[in-house]
Amino acid sequence: MNPIPRQSGCRVQDHEISRRAFLSHSLAVGSGALLGTSGALHALDEDSLNAQLRSTGRSVILLWLAGGASQLETWDPKPGRPTGGPYAAIPTSVPGVHISELMPQMAKRMHKVSVIRSLNTGDGGHGTAAEMMLRGRKNEAALDYPDMGAIFAKELGRADSKVPGYVSFYSQSEGRGNTRKTSAFLGARFAPMNLDADMMPPNITRLDDISGLDHAERADLRDLLSARFARGRENETLKSHAAAYARVQGLMSSEELFDIEKEPQAIRDRYGPTLFAQQALMARRMVEAGVPFVRVARAWWDSHGQNFETHAEMVPELDHVMATLLDDLEQRGMLEHTLVVAMGEFGRTPRINGSLGRDHFASAWSAAIFGCGVQRGAVYGKTDEDGLTVAEDEVGAGEVFATVLRAMGVDPHHEYHVGVRPIPLVNPGIEAIRPLLA
């Protein structure tokens, strides 16, 4: 394992709530929270108050490489080996660390990025592996776990926020149903907003034949009736749906957030014209507006045939989008409170099949991470000379999940409750990858 420099974007102590922040949140709740929509009726409940106190503007952007990108054509090349393929490895800004020649822009920025090269997650099925990577573990027979986006929507979101807590872009049709995103027992309040067909949510624009006054009066009437119905009823489902409705009302007043035309043309040109690039720019706009979790999916990496042609097309796009997003976040001062994770459900086989493809491979693959709470320029773990097995520092889905939680200031061992049953965020015995934390 390469030496890991002690550089940081943000530290655990940066996430602590100050006395001033506590008072400002308390005043905000006391003066206004009860005057808004019905979702704010429970703003003084313990969970809602805690959510406000935990919120310090942190966000996660997940670049989801759907179908499974090849680690050998990205972060862990094996040039000159029978498994290596046709692409060379190039030096990076971290001495001794090489990545694929298909990623020259990220090679120049490697001192700002950390890579995990020792993932052994043990599941080669698209759907089950994707769910595991987004939940950090397998679902139980009688219990679905909430995914990463729902957890961050709950832990990092503000109760009074007008923007959604969890947004997912997945425009390609291949593999879209594999991840089965869910807030599970956390409820509808933390469910994802799926923007699969368009970057503008449907049905948030007020109809032309409804005046602004009519719209406001309808909302007031709905709030009155909802408050009357909620009186004397302490029900988590009722709270969750009321909060979800309140968020929809907020979205209607935040329509411009979803209009990428509001972004300067020079910035749009910098990201580039591809859909993946434009959605990455939208992700930046959203975290800048306070959205805690945004997933941007790029499909379809499932290269059972013509692996090298597929990656020659898709990896340079990934390289450009990641580099542009990193630079943009850094220039705006957002890298200190934004974490970016690039991974899929698994990697690709080192052995090349008869169709010049690589198949599903979950035994020794890679992921990349940069931004808030993690080291810069670190490479964790190592595979053998052909990339067939993990040689050092093996980790699984749970460790990656716990690391992302810990980097964002969320205790992986925090417990939710389903009835009287405590549900920790990670399975017993799972710990974050400490050397990667700032």
Foldseek 3Di string as FASTA:
>chain_A
DDDFDPDFLAALVVQAFDPVQLVVLVVCLVPPLCPAFLLSVCCVPPLQSQLSRRADLFAEEEAAAAAAAAQCQFQAAQPPDLLRPDWDWDAAPQPPGTTTPLQVLVSPVQQQKEKEFFAFAPDQDRQQLLQCLQQVHGADPPFDAAGPQLVQLSNHNHLPALAQQEEEEAADPPSPPRRVHDNTPQAPSSGYDYDHNALFRPPLEDDPVQDPVNVVVVSVVVRVVLVVVCVPPDDSHSSSVSSNVSNSPSCSVVRVLSVLVVPDPVLVVQQHDDPLSSVLVSVVSRSVSRHHYYYRYDDDQNWLAPNVVVCSPPSSNVSSSVSSSVVVCVVVSNLSRYKYKYTYSAHFASNQDPRRTTHGDNATRMIMMGGAFWTGSHYHFDAPSSRHHTDDDHDYSNQVSQQVCVSNNHHQQDWDDDPNDTDGSGDPPHHHPVSTGD
